[in-house]
Amino acid sequence: MYKLDVSDKAEQDLSRIIEYIAQKLAAPIAASDFADAVFDCYDNLDNNPYIFEQCRDAKLNKEGYRRAVIKNYILVYSVNEDTKTVIAHRFFYGRQDYVSLI
């Protein structure tokens, strides 16, 4: 089992996404469903951090970044085998150019 470390930026991203869905889109149920999907993803990462694909960008792939697609969003994370830790770095909207933002 791995330990999950969610970065401050990832927590801020997640908070903004949930707020956007709940308030701007006026869809609190969809926001709650998204939050549930994120926590399901976190559970999967705790047990099997390699379940999701490596980033397709060559630079990010070389640096060990992986990506989990959660509804319309992407969680970019990495795995530290030495400490058995999964680091959740950032959440991005699926159409965003996250490669340049990571």
C-alpha atoms as a PDB file:
ATOM      1  CA  MET A   1       0.000   0.000   0.000  1.00  0.00           C
ATOM      2  CA  TYR A   2       1.196   3.474  -0.891  1.00  0.00           C
ATOM      3  CA  LYS A   3       0.782   6.740   0.957  1.00  0.00           C
ATOM      4  CA  LEU A   4      -1.002   9.530  -0.913  1.00  0.00           C
ATOM      5  CA  ASP A   5       0.450  13.044  -0.743  1.00  0.00           C
ATOM      6  CA  VAL A   6      -1.819  15.662  -2.309  1.00  0.00           C
ATOM      7  CA  SER A   7       0.117  18.850  -3.046  1.00  0.00           C
ATOM      8  CA  ASP A   8      -1.206  22.240  -1.999  1.00  0.00           C
ATOM      9  CA  LYS A   9      -1.670  23.141  -5.674  1.00  0.00           C
ATOM     10  CA  ALA A  10      -3.696  19.979  -6.309  1.00  0.00           C
ATOM     11  CA  GLU A  11      -5.891  20.739  -3.291  1.00  0.00           C
ATOM     12  CA  GLN A  12      -6.415  24.291  -4.562  1.00  0.00           C
ATOM     13  CA  ASP A  13      -7.176  23.025  -8.076  1.00  0.00           C
ATOM     14  CA  LEU A  14      -9.695  20.524  -6.726  1.00  0.00           C
ATOM     15  CA  SER A  15     -11.385  23.130  -4.570  1.00  0.00           C
ATOM     16  CA  ARG A  16     -11.686  25.523  -7.520  1.00  0.00           C
ATOM     17  CA  ILE A  17     -13.072  22.798  -9.788  1.00  0.00           C
ATOM     18  CA  ILE A  18     -15.711  21.723  -7.286  1.00  0.00           C
ATOM     19  CA  GLU A  19     -16.678  25.343  -6.620  1.00  0.00           C
ATOM     20  CA  TYR A  20     -16.906  26.018 -10.358  1.00  0.00           C
ATOM     21  CA  ILE A  21     -19.142  23.018 -10.992  1.00  0.00           C
ATOM     22  CA  ALA A  22     -21.342  23.667  -7.960  1.00  0.00           C
ATOM     23  CA  GLN A  23     -21.698  27.443  -8.264  1.00  0.00           C
ATOM     24  CA  LYS A  24     -20.892  28.641 -11.776  1.00  0.00           C
ATOM     25  CA  LEU A  25     -22.550  25.684 -13.479  1.00  0.00           C
ATOM     26  CA  ALA A  26     -25.210  25.492 -10.742  1.00  0.00           C
ATOM     27  CA  ALA A  27     -24.740  21.733 -10.540  1.00  0.00           C
ATOM     28  CA  PRO A  28     -24.100  20.765  -6.914  1.00  0.00           C
ATOM     29  CA  ILE A  29     -24.922  17.099  -7.549  1.00  0.00           C
ATOM     30  CA  ALA A  30     -22.388  16.989 -10.395  1.00  0.00           C
ATOM     31  CA  ALA A  31     -19.831  18.638  -8.089  1.00  0.00           C
ATOM     32  CA  SER A  32     -20.489  15.998  -5.450  1.00  0.00           C
ATOM     33  CA  ASP A  33     -20.224  13.222  -8.057  1.00  0.00           C
ATOM     34  CA  PHE A  34     -16.908  14.639  -9.227  1.00  0.00           C
ATOM     35  CA  ALA A  35     -15.573  14.789  -5.665  1.00  0.00           C
ATOM     36  CA  ASP A  36     -16.637  11.155  -5.158  1.00  0.00           C
ATOM     37  CA  ALA A  37     -14.846  10.163  -8.375  1.00  0.00           C
ATOM     38  CA  VAL A  38     -11.674  11.919  -7.194  1.00  0.00           C
ATOM     39  CA  PHE A  39     -11.733  10.086  -3.869  1.00  0.00           C
ATOM     40  CA  ASP A  40     -12.325   6.781  -5.687  1.00  0.00           C
ATOM     41  CA  CYS A  41      -9.275   7.596  -7.804  1.00  0.00           C
ATOM     42  CA  TYR A  42      -7.265   8.335  -4.658  1.00  0.00           C
ATOM     43  CA  ASP A  43      -8.275   4.915  -3.271  1.00  0.00           C
ATOM     44  CA  ASN A  44      -7.110   3.259  -6.493  1.00  0.00           C
ATOM     45  CA  LEU A  45      -3.785   5.082  -6.309  1.00  0.00           C
ATOM     46  CA  ASP A  46      -3.238   3.952  -2.719  1.00  0.00           C
ATOM     47  CA  ASN A  47      -3.559   0.336  -3.799  1.00  0.00           C
ATOM     48  CA  ASN A  48      -2.176   0.386  -7.326  1.00  0.00           C
ATOM     49  CA  PRO A  49      -0.404   3.599  -8.360  1.00  0.00           C
ATOM     50  CA  TYR A  50       0.450   2.220 -11.810  1.00  0.00           C
ATOM     51  CA  ILE A  51      -3.188   1.625 -12.767  1.00  0.00           C
ATOM     52  CA  PHE A  52      -3.274   4.817 -14.851  1.00  0.00           C
ATOM     53  CA  GLU A  53      -1.168   5.597 -17.907  1.00  0.00           C
ATOM     54  CA  GLN A  54       2.063   7.522 -18.124  1.00  0.00           C
ATOM     55  CA  CYS A  55       1.793  11.043 -19.514  1.00  0.00           C
ATOM     56  CA  ARG A  56       2.004  10.953 -23.296  1.00  0.00           C
ATOM     57  CA  ASP A  57       4.278  13.984 -23.490  1.00  0.00           C
ATOM     58  CA  ALA A  58       7.875  12.744 -23.822  1.00  0.00           C
ATOM     59  CA  LYS A  59       9.314  15.180 -21.266  1.00  0.00           C
ATOM     60  CA  LEU A  60       6.677  14.449 -18.617  1.00  0.00           C
ATOM     61  CA  ASN A  61       6.891  10.737 -19.327  1.00  0.00           C
ATOM     62  CA  LYS A  62      10.669  10.795 -18.873  1.00  0.00           C
ATOM     63  CA  GLU A  63      10.196  12.620 -15.554  1.00  0.00           C
ATOM     64  CA  GLY A  64       7.846   9.867 -14.375  1.00  0.00           C
ATOM     65  CA  TYR A  65       4.549  11.729 -14.468  1.00  0.00           C
ATOM     66  CA  ARG A  66       1.348   9.733 -14.856  1.00  0.00           C
ATOM     67  CA  ARG A  67      -2.221  10.870 -15.516  1.00  0.00           C
ATOM     68  CA  ALA A  68      -5.618   9.780 -14.322  1.00  0.00           C
ATOM     69  CA  VAL A  69      -8.642  10.949 -16.272  1.00  0.00           C
ATOM     70  CA  ILE A  70     -11.516  11.768 -13.921  1.00  0.00           C
ATOM     71  CA  LYS A  71     -14.627  12.830 -15.810  1.00  0.00           C
ATOM     72  CA  ASN A  72     -13.529  15.966 -17.757  1.00  0.00           C
ATOM     73  CA  TYR A  73     -10.378  16.515 -15.716  1.00  0.00           C
ATOM     74  CA  ILE A  74      -6.871  15.118 -15.514  1.00  0.00           C
ATOM     75  CA  LEU A  75      -4.945  14.426 -12.334  1.00  0.00           C
ATOM     76  CA  VAL A  76      -1.196  14.546 -12.925  1.00  0.00           C
ATOM     77  CA  TYR A  77       0.724  12.520 -10.378  1.00  0.00           C
ATOM     78  CA  SER A  78       3.974  10.672  -9.815  1.00  0.00           C
ATOM     79  CA  VAL A  79       5.127   7.711  -7.761  1.00  0.00           C
ATOM     80  CA  ASN A  80       8.113   7.691  -5.429  1.00  0.00           C
ATOM     81  CA  GLU A  81       9.068   4.046  -4.972  1.00  0.00           C
ATOM     82  CA  ASP A  82      11.684   4.818  -2.316  1.00  0.00           C
ATOM     83  CA  THR A  83       9.066   6.197   0.070  1.00  0.00           C
ATOM     84  CA  LYS A  84       6.077   4.274  -1.380  1.00  0.00           C
ATOM     85  CA  THR A  85       4.337   7.608  -1.924  1.00  0.00           C
ATOM     86  CA  VAL A  86       1.990   8.775  -4.670  1.00  0.00           C
ATOM     87  CA  ILE A  87       2.240  12.526  -5.177  1.00  0.00           C
ATOM     88  CA  ALA A  88      -0.840  14.217  -6.663  1.00  0.00           C
ATOM     89  CA  HIS A  89       0.631  17.302  -8.327  1.00  0.00           C
ATOM     90  CA  ARG A  90      -2.186  19.115 -10.141  1.00  0.00           C
ATOM     91  CA  PHE A  91      -5.685  18.834 -11.602  1.00  0.00           C
ATOM     92  CA  PHE A  92      -6.371  20.245 -15.059  1.00  0.00           C
ATOM     93  CA  TYR A  93      -9.385  20.562 -17.309  1.00  0.00           C
ATOM     94  CA  GLY A  94      -9.056  17.903 -20.001  1.00  0.00           C
ATOM     95  CA  ARG A  95      -8.674  20.392 -22.859  1.00  0.00           C
ATOM     96  CA  GLN A  96      -6.061  22.474 -21.063  1.00  0.00           C
ATOM     97  CA  ASP A  97      -2.445  22.323 -22.203  1.00  0.00           C
ATOM     98  CA  TYR A  98      -1.317  20.884 -18.877  1.00  0.00           C
ATOM     99  CA  VAL A  99       2.103  19.980 -20.254  1.00  0.00           C
ATOM    100  CA  SER A 100       3.131  23.641 -20.302  1.00  0.00           C
ATOM    101  CA  LEU A 101       1.565  24.267 -16.871  1.00  0.00           C
ATOM    102  CA  ILE A 102       3.067  21.451 -14.833  1.00  0.00           C
END
